[in-house]
PDB file of N, CA and C in Angstrom:
ATOM      1  N   MET A   1     -14.493 131.914 172.209  1.00  0.00           N
ATOM      2  CA  MET A   1     -13.392 132.698 171.686  1.00  0.00           C
ATOM      3  C   MET A   1     -13.300 132.501 170.176  1.00  0.00           C
ATOM      4  N   THR A   2     -13.181 133.588 169.476  1.00  0.00           N
ATOM      5  CA  THR A   2     -13.086 133.562 168.022  1.00  0.00           C
ATOM      6  C   THR A   2     -11.631 133.461 167.606  1.00  0.00           C
ATOM      7  N   TYR A   3     -11.355 132.531 166.692  1.00  0.00           N
ATOM      8  CA  TYR A   3     -10.012 132.436 166.142  1.00  0.00           C
ATOM      9  C   TYR A   3     -10.081 131.858 164.742  1.00  0.00           C
ATOM     10  N   ALA A   4      -8.970 131.986 164.023  1.00  0.00           N
ATOM     11  CA  ALA A   4      -8.875 131.467 162.659  1.00  0.00           C
ATOM     12  C   ALA A   4      -7.501 130.843 162.479  1.00  0.00           C
ATOM     13  N   ILE A   5      -7.436 129.846 161.602  1.00  0.00           N
ATOM     14  CA  ILE A   5      -6.163 129.262 161.186  1.00  0.00           C
ATOM     15  C   ILE A   5      -5.844 129.888 159.834  1.00  0.00           C
ATOM     16  N   LEU A   6      -4.711 130.590 159.773  1.00  0.00           N
ATOM     17  CA  LEU A   6      -4.333 131.369 158.608  1.00  0.00           C
ATOM     18  C   LEU A   6      -3.083 130.771 157.980  1.00  0.00           C
ATOM     19  N   ARG A   7      -3.052 130.685 156.645  1.00  0.00           N
ATOM     20  CA  ARG A   7      -1.851 130.233 155.943  1.00  0.00           C
ATOM     21  C   ARG A   7      -1.230 131.445 155.261  1.00  0.00           C
ATOM     22  N   GLN A   8       0.049 131.679 155.571  1.00  0.00           N
ATOM     23  CA  GLN A   8       0.741 132.815 154.986  1.00  0.00           C
ATOM     24  C   GLN A   8       2.213 132.474 154.842  1.00  0.00           C
ATOM     25  N   GLY A   9       2.748 132.570 153.663  1.00  0.00           N
ATOM     26  CA  GLY A   9       4.171 132.367 153.432  1.00  0.00           C
ATOM     27  C   GLY A   9       4.645 130.960 153.737  1.00  0.00           C
ATOM     28  N   GLY A  10       3.807 129.947 153.520  1.00  0.00           N
ATOM     29  CA  GLY A  10       4.217 128.575 153.755  1.00  0.00           C
ATOM     30  C   GLY A  10       4.072 128.123 155.194  1.00  0.00           C
ATOM     31  N   HIS A  11       3.567 128.983 156.076  1.00  0.00           N
ATOM     32  CA  HIS A  11       3.367 128.643 157.478  1.00  0.00           C
ATOM     33  C   HIS A  11       1.893 128.795 157.826  1.00  0.00           C
ATOM     34  N   GLN A  12       1.470 128.137 158.900  1.00  0.00           N
ATOM     35  CA  GLN A  12       0.111 128.264 159.387  1.00  0.00           C
ATOM     36  C   GLN A  12       0.137 128.893 160.771  1.00  0.00           C
ATOM     37  N   TYR A  13      -0.792 129.817 161.020  1.00  0.00           N
ATOM     38  CA  TYR A  13      -0.844 130.541 162.279  1.00  0.00           C
ATOM     39  C   TYR A  13      -2.263 130.483 162.834  1.00  0.00           C
ATOM     40  N   ARG A  14      -2.372 130.314 164.143  1.00  0.00           N
ATOM     41  CA  ARG A  14      -3.665 130.411 164.832  1.00  0.00           C
ATOM     42  C   ARG A  14      -3.745 131.834 165.357  1.00  0.00           C
ATOM     43  N   VAL A  15      -4.711 132.603 164.851  1.00  0.00           N
ATOM     44  CA  VAL A  15      -4.791 134.015 165.205  1.00  0.00           C
ATOM     45  C   VAL A  15      -6.169 134.353 165.757  1.00  0.00           C
ATOM     46  N   ALA A  16      -6.189 135.303 166.663  1.00  0.00           N
ATOM     47  CA  ALA A  16      -7.416 135.844 167.240  1.00  0.00           C
ATOM     48  C   ALA A  16      -7.286 137.358 167.204  1.00  0.00           C
ATOM     49  N   PRO A  17      -8.390 138.078 167.269  1.00  0.00           N
ATOM     50  CA  PRO A  17      -8.298 139.543 167.280  1.00  0.00           C
ATOM     51  C   PRO A  17      -7.428 140.027 168.439  1.00  0.00           C
ATOM     52  N   GLY A  18      -6.503 140.937 168.132  1.00  0.00           N
ATOM     53  CA  GLY A  18      -5.588 141.471 169.134  1.00  0.00           C
ATOM     54  C   GLY A  18      -4.227 140.793 169.155  1.00  0.00           C
ATOM     55  N   ASP A  19      -4.075 139.661 168.464  1.00  0.00           N
ATOM     56  CA  ASP A  19      -2.791 138.947 168.437  1.00  0.00           C
ATOM     57  C   ASP A  19      -1.765 139.719 167.611  1.00  0.00           C
ATOM     58  N   ILE A  20      -0.507 139.634 168.035  1.00  0.00           N
ATOM     59  CA  ILE A  20       0.606 140.205 167.291  1.00  0.00           C
ATOM     60  C   ILE A  20       1.496 139.050 166.869  1.00  0.00           C
ATOM     61  N   ILE A  21       1.703 138.898 165.549  1.00  0.00           N
ATOM     62  CA  ILE A  21       2.507 137.792 165.035  1.00  0.00           C
ATOM     63  C   ILE A  21       3.514 138.311 164.019  1.00  0.00           C
ATOM     64  N   GLN A  22       4.551 137.526 163.785  1.00  0.00           N
ATOM     65  CA  GLN A  22       5.545 137.825 162.765  1.00  0.00           C
ATOM     66  C   GLN A  22       5.363 136.823 161.636  1.00  0.00           C
ATOM     67  N   ILE A  23       5.139 137.321 160.434  1.00  0.00           N
ATOM     68  CA  ILE A  23       4.937 136.474 159.266  1.00  0.00           C
ATOM     69  C   ILE A  23       6.050 136.757 158.259  1.00  0.00           C
ATOM     70  N   GLU A  24       6.087 135.949 157.193  1.00  0.00           N
ATOM     71  CA  GLU A  24       7.062 136.175 156.125  1.00  0.00           C
ATOM     72  C   GLU A  24       6.917 137.597 155.597  1.00  0.00           C
ATOM     73  N   LYS A  25       8.024 138.188 155.177  1.00  0.00           N
ATOM     74  CA  LYS A  25       8.032 139.587 154.749  1.00  0.00           C
ATOM     75  C   LYS A  25       7.051 139.831 153.605  1.00  0.00           C
ATOM     76  N   LEU A  26       6.261 140.890 153.763  1.00  0.00           N
ATOM     77  CA  LEU A  26       5.325 141.345 152.742  1.00  0.00           C
ATOM     78  C   LEU A  26       5.737 142.740 152.297  1.00  0.00           C
ATOM     79  N   ASP A  27       5.359 143.100 151.077  1.00  0.00           N
ATOM     80  CA  ASP A  27       5.610 144.462 150.601  1.00  0.00           C
ATOM     81  C   ASP A  27       4.504 145.363 151.126  1.00  0.00           C
ATOM     82  N   ALA A  28       4.627 145.754 152.396  1.00  0.00           N
ATOM     83  CA  ALA A  28       3.629 146.598 153.031  1.00  0.00           C
ATOM     84  C   ALA A  28       4.337 147.596 153.937  1.00  0.00           C
ATOM     85  N   GLU A  29       3.801 148.785 154.001  1.00  0.00           N
ATOM     86  CA  GLU A  29       4.378 149.846 154.825  1.00  0.00           C
ATOM     87  C   GLU A  29       3.770 149.816 156.223  1.00  0.00           C
ATOM     88  N   LYS A  30       4.478 150.413 157.165  1.00  0.00           N
ATOM     89  CA  LYS A  30       4.003 150.503 158.542  1.00  0.00           C
ATOM     90  C   LYS A  30       2.665 151.249 158.574  1.00  0.00           C
ATOM     91  N   GLY A  31       1.689 150.694 159.280  1.00  0.00           N
ATOM     92  CA  GLY A  31       0.370 151.304 159.391  1.00  0.00           C
ATOM     93  C   GLY A  31      -0.623 150.853 158.339  1.00  0.00           C
ATOM     94  N   GLN A  32      -0.160 150.172 157.313  1.00  0.00           N
ATOM     95  CA  GLN A  32      -1.041 149.709 156.234  1.00  0.00           C
ATOM     96  C   GLN A  32      -1.959 148.603 156.747  1.00  0.00           C
ATOM     97  N   VAL A  33      -3.201 148.579 156.259  1.00  0.00           N
ATOM     98  CA  VAL A  33      -4.169 147.556 156.640  1.00  0.00           C
ATOM     99  C   VAL A  33      -4.166 146.460 155.582  1.00  0.00           C
ATOM    100  N   LEU A  34      -4.064 145.201 156.039  1.00  0.00           N
ATOM    101  CA  LEU A  34      -4.035 144.054 155.141  1.00  0.00           C
ATOM    102  C   LEU A  34      -5.302 143.233 155.295  1.00  0.00           C
ATOM    103  N   GLU A  35      -5.703 142.587 154.213  1.00  0.00           N
ATOM    104  CA  GLU A  35      -6.796 141.614 154.259  1.00  0.00           C
ATOM    105  C   GLU A  35      -6.223 140.288 153.770  1.00  0.00           C
ATOM    106  N   LEU A  36      -6.022 139.361 154.686  1.00  0.00           N
ATOM    107  CA  LEU A  36      -5.448 138.058 154.372  1.00  0.00           C
ATOM    108  C   LEU A  36      -6.593 137.074 154.174  1.00  0.00           C
ATOM    109  N   GLU A  37      -6.665 136.471 152.985  1.00  0.00           N
ATOM    110  CA  GLU A  37      -7.827 135.673 152.612  1.00  0.00           C
ATOM    111  C   GLU A  37      -7.600 134.172 152.639  1.00  0.00           C
ATOM    112  N   ASP A  38      -6.412 133.719 152.972  1.00  0.00           N
ATOM    113  CA  ASP A  38      -6.118 132.280 152.965  1.00  0.00           C
ATOM    114  C   ASP A  38      -6.428 131.682 154.341  1.00  0.00           C
ATOM    115  N   VAL A  39      -7.724 131.635 154.689  1.00  0.00           N
ATOM    116  CA  VAL A  39      -8.195 131.133 155.987  1.00  0.00           C
ATOM    117  C   VAL A  39      -8.557 129.664 155.823  1.00  0.00           C
ATOM    118  N   LEU A  40      -7.871 128.783 156.578  1.00  0.00           N
ATOM    119  CA  LEU A  40      -8.080 127.341 156.460  1.00  0.00           C
ATOM    120  C   LEU A  40      -9.169 126.833 157.394  1.00  0.00           C
ATOM    121  N   ALA A  41      -9.329 127.464 158.548  1.00  0.00           N
ATOM    122  CA  ALA A  41     -10.348 127.054 159.515  1.00  0.00           C
ATOM    123  C   ALA A  41     -10.816 128.286 160.263  1.00  0.00           C
ATOM    124  N   LEU A  42     -12.059 128.228 160.766  1.00  0.00           N
ATOM    125  CA  LEU A  42     -12.660 129.365 161.433  1.00  0.00           C
ATOM    126  C   LEU A  42     -13.497 128.885 162.601  1.00  0.00           C
ATOM    127  N   HIS A  43     -13.254 129.452 163.791  1.00  0.00           N
ATOM    128  CA  HIS A  43     -14.034 129.121 164.982  1.00  0.00           C
ATOM    129  C   HIS A  43     -14.717 130.398 165.438  1.00  0.00           C
ATOM    130  N   ASP A  44     -16.047 130.376 165.503  1.00  0.00           N
ATOM    131  CA  ASP A  44     -16.806 131.586 165.833  1.00  0.00           C
ATOM    132  C   ASP A  44     -17.245 131.641 167.293  1.00  0.00           C
ATOM    133  N   GLY A  45     -16.725 130.758 168.128  1.00  0.00           N
ATOM    134  CA  GLY A  45     -17.118 130.718 169.533  1.00  0.00           C
ATOM    135  C   GLY A  45     -18.056 129.575 169.830  1.00  0.00           C
ATOM    136  N   ALA A  46     -18.745 129.080 168.809  1.00  0.00           N
ATOM    137  CA  ALA A  46     -19.692 127.979 168.992  1.00  0.00           C
ATOM    138  C   ALA A  46     -19.292 126.751 168.181  1.00  0.00           C
ATOM    139  N   LYS A  47     -18.935 126.965 166.916  1.00  0.00           N
ATOM    140  CA  LYS A  47     -18.578 125.818 166.074  1.00  0.00           C
ATOM    141  C   LYS A  47     -17.309 126.093 165.293  1.00  0.00           C
ATOM    142  N   LEU A  48     -16.639 124.999 164.963  1.00  0.00           N
ATOM    143  CA  LEU A  48     -15.400 125.056 164.200  1.00  0.00           C
ATOM    144  C   LEU A  48     -15.699 124.621 162.778  1.00  0.00           C
ATOM    145  N   GLU A  49     -15.291 125.443 161.822  1.00  0.00           N
ATOM    146  CA  GLU A  49     -15.551 125.148 160.409  1.00  0.00           C
ATOM    147  C   GLU A  49     -14.230 125.047 159.668  1.00  0.00           C
ATOM    148  N   PHE A  50     -14.067 123.966 158.922  1.00  0.00           N
ATOM    149  CA  PHE A  50     -12.872 123.758 158.122  1.00  0.00           C
ATOM    150  C   PHE A  50     -13.179 124.049 156.670  1.00  0.00           C
ATOM    151  N   GLY A  51     -12.223 124.642 155.972  1.00  0.00           N
ATOM    152  CA  GLY A  51     -12.393 124.916 154.563  1.00  0.00           C
ATOM    153  C   GLY A  51     -11.855 123.777 153.723  1.00  0.00           C
ATOM    154  N   VAL A  52     -12.315 123.723 152.469  1.00  0.00           N
ATOM    155  CA  VAL A  52     -11.843 122.700 151.545  1.00  0.00           C
ATOM    156  C   VAL A  52     -11.399 123.393 150.268  1.00  0.00           C
ATOM    157  N   PRO A  53     -10.216 123.896 150.112  1.00  0.00           N
ATOM    158  CA  PRO A  53      -9.152 123.989 151.105  1.00  0.00           C
ATOM    159  C   PRO A  53      -9.255 125.235 151.981  1.00  0.00           C
ATOM    160  N   ARG A  54     -10.078 126.228 151.567  1.00  0.00           N
ATOM    161  CA  ARG A  54     -10.206 127.463 152.352  1.00  0.00           C
ATOM    162  C   ARG A  54     -11.658 127.692 152.726  1.00  0.00           C
ATOM    163  N   VAL A  55     -11.877 128.447 153.798  1.00  0.00           N
ATOM    164  CA  VAL A  55     -13.230 128.832 154.199  1.00  0.00           C
ATOM    165  C   VAL A  55     -13.686 129.944 153.259  1.00  0.00           C
ATOM    166  N   ALA A  56     -14.837 129.748 152.639  1.00  0.00           N
ATOM    167  CA  ALA A  56     -15.329 130.697 151.642  1.00  0.00           C
ATOM    168  C   ALA A  56     -15.657 132.046 152.288  1.00  0.00           C
ATOM    169  N   ASP A  57     -15.227 133.124 151.639  1.00  0.00           N
ATOM    170  CA  ASP A  57     -15.538 134.503 152.028  1.00  0.00           C
ATOM    171  C   ASP A  57     -15.038 134.890 153.413  1.00  0.00           C
ATOM    172  N   ALA A  58     -14.045 134.202 153.948  1.00  0.00           N
ATOM    173  CA  ALA A  58     -13.477 134.551 155.256  1.00  0.00           C
ATOM    174  C   ALA A  58     -12.197 135.348 155.052  1.00  0.00           C
ATOM    175  N   GLN A  59     -11.993 136.343 155.910  1.00  0.00           N
ATOM    176  CA  GLN A  59     -10.808 137.186 155.835  1.00  0.00           C
ATOM    177  C   GLN A  59     -10.297 137.480 157.231  1.00  0.00           C
ATOM    178  N   VAL A  60      -9.000 137.662 157.326  1.00  0.00           N
ATOM    179  CA  VAL A  60      -8.374 138.146 158.557  1.00  0.00           C
ATOM    180  C   VAL A  60      -7.854 139.535 158.244  1.00  0.00           C
ATOM    181  N   LYS A  61      -8.313 140.513 159.002  1.00  0.00           N
ATOM    182  CA  LYS A  61      -7.861 141.890 158.807  1.00  0.00           C
ATOM    183  C   LYS A  61      -6.765 142.178 159.815  1.00  0.00           C
ATOM    184  N   ALA A  62      -5.685 142.792 159.324  1.00  0.00           N
ATOM    185  CA  ALA A  62      -4.524 143.053 160.180  1.00  0.00           C
ATOM    186  C   ALA A  62      -3.896 144.383 159.798  1.00  0.00           C
ATOM    187  N   ARG A  63      -3.154 144.947 160.748  1.00  0.00           N
ATOM    188  CA  ARG A  63      -2.436 146.200 160.538  1.00  0.00           C
ATOM    189  C   ARG A  63      -0.946 145.934 160.705  1.00  0.00           C
ATOM    190  N   VAL A  64      -0.144 146.463 159.791  1.00  0.00           N
ATOM    191  CA  VAL A  64       1.308 146.265 159.831  1.00  0.00           C
ATOM    192  C   VAL A  64       1.897 147.141 160.935  1.00  0.00           C
ATOM    193  N   LEU A  65       2.633 146.510 161.856  1.00  0.00           N
ATOM    194  CA  LEU A  65       3.301 147.254 162.925  1.00  0.00           C
ATOM    195  C   LEU A  65       4.716 147.644 162.519  1.00  0.00           C
ATOM    196  N   ARG A  66       5.446 146.696 161.906  1.00  0.00           N
ATOM    197  CA  ARG A  66       6.815 147.001 161.479  1.00  0.00           C
ATOM    198  C   ARG A  66       7.328 145.911 160.566  1.00  0.00           C
ATOM    199  N   ASN A  67       8.370 146.251 159.828  1.00  0.00           N
ATOM    200  CA  ASN A  67       9.145 145.290 159.052  1.00  0.00           C
ATOM    201  C   ASN A  67      10.509 145.196 159.717  1.00  0.00           C
ATOM    202  N   GLY A  68      11.043 143.990 159.798  1.00  0.00           N
ATOM    203  CA  GLY A  68      12.326 143.847 160.468  1.00  0.00           C
ATOM    204  C   GLY A  68      13.050 142.590 160.040  1.00  0.00           C
ATOM    205  N   ARG A  69      14.123 142.300 160.789  1.00  0.00           N
ATOM    206  CA  ARG A  69      14.922 141.099 160.534  1.00  0.00           C
ATOM    207  C   ARG A  69      15.051 140.344 161.835  1.00  0.00           C
ATOM    208  N   GLY A  70      14.969 139.019 161.737  1.00  0.00           N
ATOM    209  CA  GLY A  70      15.045 138.164 162.911  1.00  0.00           C
ATOM    210  C   GLY A  70      16.459 138.036 163.447  1.00  0.00           C
ATOM    211  N   ARG A  71      16.592 137.244 164.505  1.00  0.00           N
ATOM    212  CA  ARG A  71      17.895 136.993 165.098  1.00  0.00           C
ATOM    213  C   ARG A  71      18.757 136.190 164.144  1.00  0.00           C
ATOM    214  N   LYS A  72      20.072 136.363 164.257  1.00  0.00           N
ATOM    215  CA  LYS A  72      20.981 135.640 163.384  1.00  0.00           C
ATOM    216  C   LYS A  72      21.079 134.186 163.835  1.00  0.00           C
ATOM    217  N   ILE A  73      20.991 133.280 162.870  1.00  0.00           N
ATOM    218  CA  ILE A  73      21.275 131.875 163.142  1.00  0.00           C
ATOM    219  C   ILE A  73      22.585 131.538 162.444  1.00  0.00           C
ATOM    220  N   VAL A  74      23.329 130.620 163.022  1.00  0.00           N
ATOM    221  CA  VAL A  74      24.615 130.226 162.470  1.00  0.00           C
ATOM    222  C   VAL A  74      24.466 128.871 161.802  1.00  0.00           C
ATOM    223  N   VAL A  75      24.874 128.802 160.547  1.00  0.00           N
ATOM    224  CA  VAL A  75      24.869 127.548 159.801  1.00  0.00           C
ATOM    225  C   VAL A  75      26.325 127.109 159.695  1.00  0.00           C
ATOM    226  N   PHE A  76      26.665 126.006 160.355  1.00  0.00           N
ATOM    227  CA  PHE A  76      28.047 125.533 160.388  1.00  0.00           C
ATOM    228  C   PHE A  76      28.091 124.142 159.790  1.00  0.00           C
ATOM    229  N   LYS A  77      28.870 123.963 158.733  1.00  0.00           N
ATOM    230  CA  LYS A  77      29.022 122.662 158.081  1.00  0.00           C
ATOM    231  C   LYS A  77      30.472 122.226 158.205  1.00  0.00           C
ATOM    232  N   MET A  78      30.656 120.939 158.455  1.00  0.00           N
ATOM    233  CA  MET A  78      32.005 120.441 158.663  1.00  0.00           C
ATOM    234  C   MET A  78      32.094 118.996 158.188  1.00  0.00           C
ATOM    235  N   LYS A  79      33.243 118.649 157.616  1.00  0.00           N
ATOM    236  CA  LYS A  79      33.512 117.256 157.269  1.00  0.00           C
ATOM    237  C   LYS A  79      34.628 116.779 158.186  1.00  0.00           C
ATOM    238  N   LYS A  80      34.324 115.786 158.982  1.00  0.00           N
ATOM    239  CA  LYS A  80      35.308 115.338 159.975  1.00  0.00           C
ATOM    240  C   LYS A  80      36.545 114.750 159.300  1.00  0.00           C
ATOM    241  N   ARG A  81      37.667 114.981 159.929  1.00  0.00           N
ATOM    242  CA  ARG A  81      38.986 114.478 159.516  1.00  0.00           C
ATOM    243  C   ARG A  81      39.422 114.967 158.135  1.00  0.00           C
ATOM    244  N   LYS A  82      38.779 115.948 157.562  1.00  0.00           N
ATOM    245  CA  LYS A  82      39.152 116.449 156.235  1.00  0.00           C
ATOM    246  C   LYS A  82      39.651 117.886 156.291  1.00  0.00           C
ATOM    247  N   GLY A  83      39.515 118.533 157.433  1.00  0.00           N
ATOM    248  CA  GLY A  83      39.952 119.917 157.540  1.00  0.00           C
ATOM    249  C   GLY A  83      39.047 120.888 156.803  1.00  0.00           C
ATOM    250  N   HIS A  84      37.823 120.468 156.502  1.00  0.00           N
ATOM    251  CA  HIS A  84      36.887 121.312 155.765  1.00  0.00           C
ATOM    252  C   HIS A  84      35.779 121.774 156.701  1.00  0.00           C
ATOM    253  N   HIS A  85      35.565 123.060 156.761  1.00  0.00           N
ATOM    254  CA  HIS A  85      34.427 123.597 157.502  1.00  0.00           C
ATOM    255  C   HIS A  85      34.010 124.914 156.865  1.00  0.00           C
ATOM    256  N   ARG A  86      32.731 125.244 157.081  1.00  0.00           N
ATOM    257  CA  ARG A  86      32.183 126.465 156.526  1.00  0.00           C
ATOM    258  C   ARG A  86      31.194 127.052 157.520  1.00  0.00           C
ATOM    259  N   LYS A  87      31.323 128.308 157.809  1.00  0.00           N
ATOM    260  CA  LYS A  87      30.428 128.991 158.741  1.00  0.00           C
ATOM    261  C   LYS A  87      29.707 130.094 157.986  1.00  0.00           C
ATOM    262  N   GLN A  88      28.395 130.115 158.144  1.00  0.00           N
ATOM    263  CA  GLN A  88      27.587 131.095 157.435  1.00  0.00           C
ATOM    264  C   GLN A  88      26.463 131.543 158.366  1.00  0.00           C
ATOM    265  N   GLY A  89      26.069 132.805 158.291  1.00  0.00           N
ATOM    266  CA  GLY A  89      24.977 133.326 159.098  1.00  0.00           C
ATOM    267  C   GLY A  89      23.773 133.647 158.231  1.00  0.00           C
ATOM    268  N   HIS A  90      22.599 133.724 158.869  1.00  0.00           N
ATOM    269  CA  HIS A  90      21.371 134.044 158.140  1.00  0.00           C
ATOM    270  C   HIS A  90      20.430 134.814 159.058  1.00  0.00           C
ATOM    271  N   ARG A  91      19.822 135.861 158.523  1.00  0.00           N
ATOM    272  CA  ARG A  91      18.791 136.609 159.234  1.00  0.00           C
ATOM    273  C   ARG A  91      17.573 136.673 158.339  1.00  0.00           C
ATOM    274  N   GLN A  92      16.428 136.189 158.849  1.00  0.00           N
ATOM    275  CA  GLN A  92      15.200 136.131 158.051  1.00  0.00           C
ATOM    276  C   GLN A  92      14.428 137.438 158.183  1.00  0.00           C
ATOM    277  N   ASP A  93      13.973 137.975 157.067  1.00  0.00           N
ATOM    278  CA  ASP A  93      13.131 139.168 157.076  1.00  0.00           C
ATOM    279  C   ASP A  93      11.720 138.784 157.513  1.00  0.00           C
ATOM    280  N   PHE A  94      11.033 139.696 158.211  1.00  0.00           N
ATOM    281  CA  PHE A  94       9.669 139.427 158.641  1.00  0.00           C
ATOM    282  C   PHE A  94       8.858 140.714 158.624  1.00  0.00           C
ATOM    283  N   THR A  95       7.538 140.547 158.672  1.00  0.00           N
ATOM    284  CA  THR A  95       6.606 141.640 158.840  1.00  0.00           C
ATOM    285  C   THR A  95       5.805 141.336 160.097  1.00  0.00           C
ATOM    286  N   GLU A  96       5.784 142.263 161.034  1.00  0.00           N
ATOM    287  CA  GLU A  96       5.023 142.077 162.270  1.00  0.00           C
ATOM    288  C   GLU A  96       3.657 142.727 162.090  1.00  0.00           C
ATOM    289  N   ILE A  97       2.601 141.950 162.344  1.00  0.00           N
ATOM    290  CA  ILE A  97       1.242 142.449 162.156  1.00  0.00           C
ATOM    291  C   ILE A  97       0.436 142.265 163.438  1.00  0.00           C
ATOM    292  N   MET A  98      -0.599 143.099 163.581  1.00  0.00           N
ATOM    293  CA  MET A  98      -1.561 142.941 164.661  1.00  0.00           C
ATOM    294  C   MET A  98      -2.915 142.642 164.035  1.00  0.00           C
ATOM    295  N   VAL A  99      -3.510 141.528 164.447  1.00  0.00           N
ATOM    296  CA  VAL A  99      -4.804 141.121 163.908  1.00  0.00           C
ATOM    297  C   VAL A  99      -5.875 142.032 164.499  1.00  0.00           C
ATOM    298  N   THR A 100      -6.622 142.716 163.641  1.00  0.00           N
ATOM    299  CA  THR A 100      -7.656 143.639 164.110  1.00  0.00           C
ATOM    300  C   THR A 100      -9.039 143.021 164.078  1.00  0.00           C
ATOM    301  N   GLY A 101      -9.232 141.977 163.253  1.00  0.00           N
ATOM    302  CA  GLY A 101     -10.550 141.361 163.205  1.00  0.00           C
ATOM    303  C   GLY A 101     -10.596 140.193 162.243  1.00  0.00           C
ATOM    304  N   ILE A 102     -11.635 139.384 162.422  1.00  0.00           N
ATOM    305  CA  ILE A 102     -11.890 138.254 161.534  1.00  0.00           C
ATOM    306  C   ILE A 102     -13.301 138.463 160.978  1.00  0.00           C
ATOM    307  N   THR A 103     -13.425 138.425 159.656  1.00  0.00           N
ATOM    308  CA  THR A 103     -14.733 138.657 159.039  1.00  0.00           C
ATOM    309  C   THR A 103     -15.110 137.519 158.117  1.00  0.00           C
ATOM    310  N   ARG A 104     -16.422 137.409 157.906  1.00  0.00           N
ATOM    311  CA  ARG A 104     -16.956 136.438 156.952  1.00  0.00           C
ATOM    312  C   ARG A 104     -18.108 137.123 156.236  1.00  0.00           C
ATOM    313  N   ASN A 105     -18.055 137.155 154.915  1.00  0.00           N
ATOM    314  CA  ASN A 105     -19.037 137.864 154.095  1.00  0.00           C
ATOM    315  C   ASN A 105     -19.143 139.324 154.501  1.00  0.00           C
ATOM    316  N   GLY A 106     -18.036 139.915 154.941  1.00  0.00           N
ATOM    317  CA  GLY A 106     -18.024 141.313 155.324  1.00  0.00           C
ATOM    318  C   GLY A 106     -18.522 141.589 156.732  1.00  0.00           C
ATOM    319  N   GLN A 107     -19.004 140.570 157.436  1.00  0.00           N
ATOM    320  CA  GLN A 107     -19.523 140.742 158.793  1.00  0.00           C
ATOM    321  C   GLN A 107     -18.521 140.186 159.810  1.00  0.00           C
ATOM    322  N   PRO A 108     -18.347 140.841 160.962  1.00  0.00           N
ATOM    323  CA  PRO A 108     -17.441 140.329 161.990  1.00  0.00           C
ATOM    324  C   PRO A 108     -17.905 138.965 162.496  1.00  0.00           C
ATOM    325  N   VAL A 109     -16.944 138.075 162.759  1.00  0.00           N
ATOM    326  CA  VAL A 109     -17.242 136.732 163.245  1.00  0.00           C
ATOM    327  C   VAL A 109     -17.180 136.751 164.764  1.00  0.00           C
ATOM    328  N   GLY A 110     -18.127 136.078 165.416  1.00  0.00           N
ATOM    329  CA  GLY A 110     -18.134 136.008 166.875  1.00  0.00           C
ATOM    330  C   GLY A 110     -18.703 137.261 167.496  1.00  0.00           C
ATOM    331  N   ALA A 111     -18.464 137.362 168.809  1.00  0.00           N
ATOM    332  CA  ALA A 111     -19.050 138.519 169.515  1.00  0.00           C
ATOM    333  C   ALA A 111     -17.998 139.460 170.019  1.00  0.00           C
TER     334      ALA A 111
END
């Protein structure tokens, strides 16, 4: 099985062709094709290769499915016995992508 470890927006993701993931918001429109080049590790079905810090000439190709906002989380801060509390909500923006392929030197990796 072919997969890659991708770094995007301060997070690392293990992706394979056909995977749908939500990453930090990018300035990309629905249907746009992306080439993500920050590949930290690459497995071609036979061997695992680690980059120092990135695998040379490796790319993850993906298509943008949608841009959206995540579920609301509640941030509640309180100081006991002081009558002080603060409630705040947060919704994180994201871009949902579908991985279409993993390439190295322009050639598809794996079978």
